[in-house]
Amino acid sequence: MTVEIVESIFDRLVETEAHRAFVEHEFFQQVHSRELSHEHVAMFLGQWWHPLHYFPTFLARCISVLPDIESKSAITRILSQETGARSVKAAHEVIYADSMENAGYDRRTVTGSEPFPETAALVAWYEKCSADRCSALGGIFATEVTDLLMVSAIGEAVKREAGTERNAWVEIHVTQEPDHVDQATNALFSDLTPGQEIAVLDSADEMWRHWTAFFDRLAVETGMVLPSGRS
């Protein structure tokens, strides 16, 4: 597959209505200005924990269904970084729990909150889409290309409410996420048929719709927007 074809798939992925609706979500706008309580931010953190905790399992399942060593290698690099690259203390979920506790949030709330239905549906989609090559590629790409946007928003909420200037979990994403996007894009260097390309696009769109529902619920819980999207 040529670079031009991969770039075409990339462009098609990020030009869809589902992607546009997600990146323009009201949550990402209002988190920089709306007054948020300690309980609100703790709720954000407790819901985020569920997809964060499942993500390494998702990546491992994806690796098992990818047919070529190039794609397996690309996603294995992401998995290695997510799990700490031989150091448990450097695993993303460990840094997350530690850094949020250091910022003043109860660790049991951060790691032990019940998921909202939208959160449970999101994690269920991660599991479902990791069972097939094309849906796995779409799910990986959709997550990585918008991950820094989501992490930055949660980090901004913590910074504004807790008054912390630095957060190790946000900082490791700033460092590693460009490489994750590159690896996710590299995984698209596969011999995909036109039908398989559509399956990748459909999976990415579905992932963004689930993430939109996730942030819809967070926004509604904090009064940012109504379910209809009206502020």
Protein backbone atom coordinates (compact mmCIF):
# COMPACT_ATOMS: atom_id res chain seq x y z
CA MET A 1 0.00 0.00 0.00
CA THR A 2 1.40 3.38 -0.97
CA VAL A 3 1.79 6.37 1.32
CA GLU A 4 -0.74 8.21 -0.85
CA ILE A 5 -3.41 5.58 -0.22
CA VAL A 6 -2.79 5.61 3.53
CA GLU A 7 -2.98 9.40 3.57
CA SER A 8 -6.27 9.13 1.71
CA ILE A 9 -7.65 6.78 4.38
CA PHE A 10 -6.40 9.12 7.10
CA ASP A 11 -8.10 12.10 5.44
CA ARG A 12 -11.35 10.17 5.03
CA LEU A 13 -11.26 9.11 8.68
CA VAL A 14 -10.89 12.61 10.09
CA GLU A 15 -13.36 14.24 7.68
CA THR A 16 -16.40 12.25 8.77
CA GLU A 17 -19.40 13.80 10.49
CA ALA A 18 -18.87 11.58 13.55
CA HIS A 19 -15.30 12.84 13.99
CA ARG A 20 -16.29 16.47 13.50
CA ALA A 21 -19.17 16.20 15.97
CA PHE A 22 -16.87 14.70 18.57
CA VAL A 23 -13.97 17.15 18.35
CA GLU A 24 -16.44 20.06 18.45
CA HIS A 25 -18.18 18.71 21.57
CA GLU A 26 -19.32 21.40 23.98
CA PHE A 27 -17.51 19.68 26.86
CA PHE A 28 -14.13 20.55 25.35
CA GLN A 29 -15.15 24.19 25.10
CA GLN A 30 -16.78 24.68 28.49
CA VAL A 31 -14.24 22.77 30.56
CA HIS A 32 -11.96 25.80 30.18
CA SER A 33 -14.46 28.27 31.59
CA ARG A 34 -17.26 26.63 33.57
CA GLU A 35 -16.98 26.46 37.34
CA LEU A 36 -16.56 22.80 38.32
CA SER A 37 -16.90 21.37 41.81
CA HIS A 38 -14.54 18.84 43.36
CA GLU A 39 -17.32 16.24 43.06
CA HIS A 40 -17.80 16.98 39.37
CA VAL A 41 -14.13 16.50 38.54
CA ALA A 42 -13.94 13.37 40.70
CA MET A 43 -16.88 12.04 38.69
CA PHE A 44 -15.01 12.73 35.43
CA LEU A 45 -12.00 10.85 36.77
CA GLY A 46 -14.03 7.88 37.99
CA GLN A 47 -15.70 7.45 34.61
CA TRP A 48 -12.48 7.87 32.65
CA TRP A 49 -10.87 5.09 34.66
CA HIS A 50 -13.00 2.41 32.96
CA PRO A 51 -11.81 2.85 29.34
CA LEU A 52 -8.30 3.64 30.61
CA HIS A 53 -8.15 0.39 32.57
CA TYR A 54 -9.50 -1.69 29.67
CA PHE A 55 -7.31 -0.11 26.98
CA PRO A 56 -4.27 -2.43 27.36
CA THR A 57 -6.58 -5.44 27.07
CA PHE A 58 -8.12 -3.88 23.97
CA LEU A 59 -4.71 -3.39 22.38
CA ALA A 60 -3.63 -6.95 23.17
CA ARG A 61 -6.83 -8.30 21.61
CA CYS A 62 -6.23 -6.13 18.54
CA ILE A 63 -2.70 -7.44 18.12
CA SER A 64 -4.06 -10.98 18.09
CA VAL A 65 -6.37 -10.28 15.12
CA LEU A 66 -3.97 -8.22 13.00
CA PRO A 67 -2.58 -10.49 10.26
CA ASP A 68 0.73 -8.78 9.41
CA ILE A 69 3.83 -8.29 11.52
CA GLU A 70 4.08 -4.59 10.60
CA SER A 71 0.69 -3.82 12.16
CA LYS A 72 1.37 -6.07 15.14
CA SER A 73 4.69 -4.31 15.75
CA ALA A 74 3.11 -0.84 15.52
CA ILE A 75 0.36 -1.61 18.03
CA THR A 76 2.74 -3.54 20.32
CA ARG A 77 4.77 -0.32 20.67
CA ILE A 78 1.65 1.51 21.89
CA LEU A 79 0.81 -1.35 24.27
CA SER A 80 4.32 -1.33 25.68
CA GLN A 81 4.12 2.35 26.51
CA GLU A 82 0.61 2.03 27.97
CA THR A 83 1.78 -0.70 30.33
CA GLY A 84 4.96 1.06 31.40
CA ALA A 85 7.58 -0.51 29.11
CA ARG A 86 8.79 -3.01 31.75
CA SER A 87 8.05 -0.68 34.70
CA VAL A 88 4.69 -1.04 36.41
CA LYS A 89 5.12 2.39 38.00
CA ALA A 90 5.24 3.91 34.50
CA ALA A 91 2.00 2.27 33.34
CA HIS A 92 -0.59 4.85 32.38
CA GLU A 93 -3.26 3.63 34.77
CA VAL A 94 -0.80 3.65 37.68
CA ILE A 95 0.38 7.18 36.86
CA TYR A 96 -3.27 8.21 36.53
CA ALA A 97 -4.34 6.88 39.92
CA ASP A 98 -1.24 8.25 41.65
CA SER A 99 -1.36 11.70 40.06
CA MET A 100 -5.07 12.19 40.74
CA GLU A 101 -4.62 11.12 44.36
CA ASN A 102 -1.75 13.60 44.64
CA ALA A 103 -4.09 16.27 43.25
CA GLY A 104 -6.50 15.62 46.11
CA TYR A 105 -9.02 13.14 44.68
CA ASP A 106 -10.02 10.04 46.60
CA ARG A 107 -8.35 7.02 45.05
CA ARG A 108 -11.40 4.81 45.67
CA THR A 109 -13.56 7.26 43.73
CA VAL A 110 -11.06 7.47 40.88
CA THR A 111 -10.61 3.71 40.46
CA GLY A 112 -13.79 2.25 41.96
CA SER A 113 -16.78 4.28 40.73
CA GLU A 114 -19.65 2.50 39.02
CA PRO A 115 -19.69 3.20 35.27
CA PHE A 116 -22.53 5.18 33.74
CA PRO A 117 -24.43 3.24 31.05
CA GLU A 118 -22.64 5.30 28.40
CA THR A 119 -19.27 4.39 29.92
CA ALA A 120 -20.17 0.70 30.03
CA ALA A 121 -21.32 0.85 26.40
CA LEU A 122 -18.03 2.49 25.40
CA VAL A 123 -15.96 -0.25 27.05
CA ALA A 124 -18.22 -2.90 25.51
CA TRP A 125 -17.56 -1.40 22.08
CA TYR A 126 -13.81 -1.55 22.71
CA GLU A 127 -14.20 -5.25 23.41
CA LYS A 128 -16.45 -5.87 20.41
CA CYS A 129 -14.38 -4.01 17.84
CA SER A 130 -11.16 -5.74 18.91
CA ALA A 131 -12.44 -9.07 17.60
CA ASP A 132 -11.94 -8.20 13.93
CA ARG A 133 -9.01 -6.80 11.97
CA CYS A 134 -10.77 -3.87 10.31
CA SER A 135 -12.89 -2.80 13.25
CA ALA A 136 -9.79 -3.05 15.47
CA LEU A 137 -7.85 -0.72 13.16
CA GLY A 138 -10.72 1.76 13.17
CA GLY A 139 -11.01 1.65 16.94
CA ILE A 140 -7.30 2.14 17.49
CA PHE A 141 -7.07 5.03 15.07
CA ALA A 142 -10.16 6.80 16.40
CA THR A 143 -8.85 6.59 19.95
CA GLU A 144 -5.29 7.70 19.30
CA VAL A 145 -6.05 10.60 16.96
CA THR A 146 -8.35 12.23 19.54
CA ASP A 147 -6.79 10.98 22.78
CA LEU A 148 -4.75 14.10 23.51
CA LEU A 149 -7.86 16.26 23.08
CA MET A 150 -9.68 14.19 25.70
CA VAL A 151 -6.73 13.94 28.10
CA SER A 152 -6.11 17.68 27.87
CA ALA A 153 -9.75 18.40 28.73
CA ILE A 154 -9.72 16.15 31.80
CA GLY A 155 -6.35 17.58 32.79
CA GLU A 156 -7.70 21.12 32.45
CA ALA A 157 -10.62 20.27 34.74
CA VAL A 158 -8.20 18.93 37.36
CA LYS A 159 -5.88 21.91 37.02
CA ARG A 160 -8.66 24.47 37.43
CA GLU A 161 -10.42 22.73 40.30
CA ALA A 162 -7.43 21.42 42.25
CA GLY A 163 -5.03 24.24 41.43
CA THR A 164 -2.25 21.93 40.28
CA GLU A 165 0.13 23.26 37.64
CA ARG A 166 1.59 19.89 36.64
CA ASN A 167 0.06 16.45 36.22
CA ALA A 168 2.23 13.43 35.40
CA TRP A 169 -0.59 11.65 33.58
CA VAL A 170 -1.16 14.58 31.22
CA GLU A 171 2.57 15.06 30.71
CA ILE A 172 3.20 11.46 29.66
CA HIS A 173 0.45 11.78 27.05
CA VAL A 174 1.99 14.96 25.67
CA THR A 175 5.28 13.06 25.36
CA GLN A 176 4.01 9.77 23.98
CA GLU A 177 0.82 10.56 22.05
CA PRO A 178 2.46 11.82 18.83
CA ASP A 179 4.22 8.45 18.59
CA HIS A 180 0.94 6.63 19.28
CA VAL A 181 -0.74 8.49 16.42
CA ASP A 182 2.18 7.62 14.14
CA GLN A 183 1.97 3.94 15.11
CA ALA A 184 -1.79 3.86 14.63
CA THR A 185 -1.32 5.41 11.19
CA ASN A 186 1.48 2.95 10.39
CA ALA A 187 -0.91 0.10 11.16
CA LEU A 188 -3.01 1.30 8.21
CA PHE A 189 -0.17 0.23 5.91
CA SER A 190 -2.04 -2.98 5.31
CA ASP A 191 -3.33 -4.51 2.11
CA LEU A 192 -6.94 -3.44 2.59
CA THR A 193 -9.61 -3.94 -0.01
CA PRO A 194 -12.12 -1.12 -0.66
CA GLY A 195 -14.66 -3.01 1.43
CA GLN A 196 -12.19 -3.34 4.30
CA GLU A 197 -11.41 0.37 4.14
CA ILE A 198 -15.12 1.10 4.60
CA ALA A 199 -15.18 -1.27 7.59
CA VAL A 200 -12.27 0.67 9.16
CA LEU A 201 -14.12 3.95 8.59
CA ASP A 202 -17.35 2.58 10.06
CA SER A 203 -15.57 1.31 13.17
CA ALA A 204 -13.82 4.64 13.73
CA ASP A 205 -17.11 6.48 13.39
CA GLU A 206 -18.78 4.15 15.88
CA MET A 207 -15.93 4.69 18.33
CA TRP A 208 -16.32 8.46 18.06
CA ARG A 209 -20.09 8.14 18.56
CA HIS A 210 -19.51 6.17 21.76
CA TRP A 211 -17.01 8.75 23.01
CA THR A 212 -19.50 11.49 22.13
CA ALA A 213 -22.12 9.73 24.26
CA PHE A 214 -19.56 9.42 27.08
CA PHE A 215 -18.89 13.16 27.10
CA ASP A 216 -22.58 13.92 26.59
CA ARG A 217 -23.24 12.23 29.92
CA LEU A 218 -20.41 14.08 31.67
CA ALA A 219 -21.68 17.38 30.26
CA VAL A 220 -25.25 16.68 31.33
CA GLU A 221 -24.15 15.66 34.83
CA THR A 222 -22.43 19.02 35.28
CA GLY A 223 -25.09 21.13 33.55
CA MET A 224 -22.88 22.06 30.64
CA VAL A 225 -25.39 21.03 28.00
CA LEU A 226 -28.77 19.39 27.76
CA PRO A 227 -29.09 15.99 26.07
CA SER A 228 -30.29 17.73 22.92
CA GLY A 229 -27.01 19.61 22.74
CA ARG A 230 -28.50 22.97 23.68
CA SER A 231 -26.42 24.85 26.24
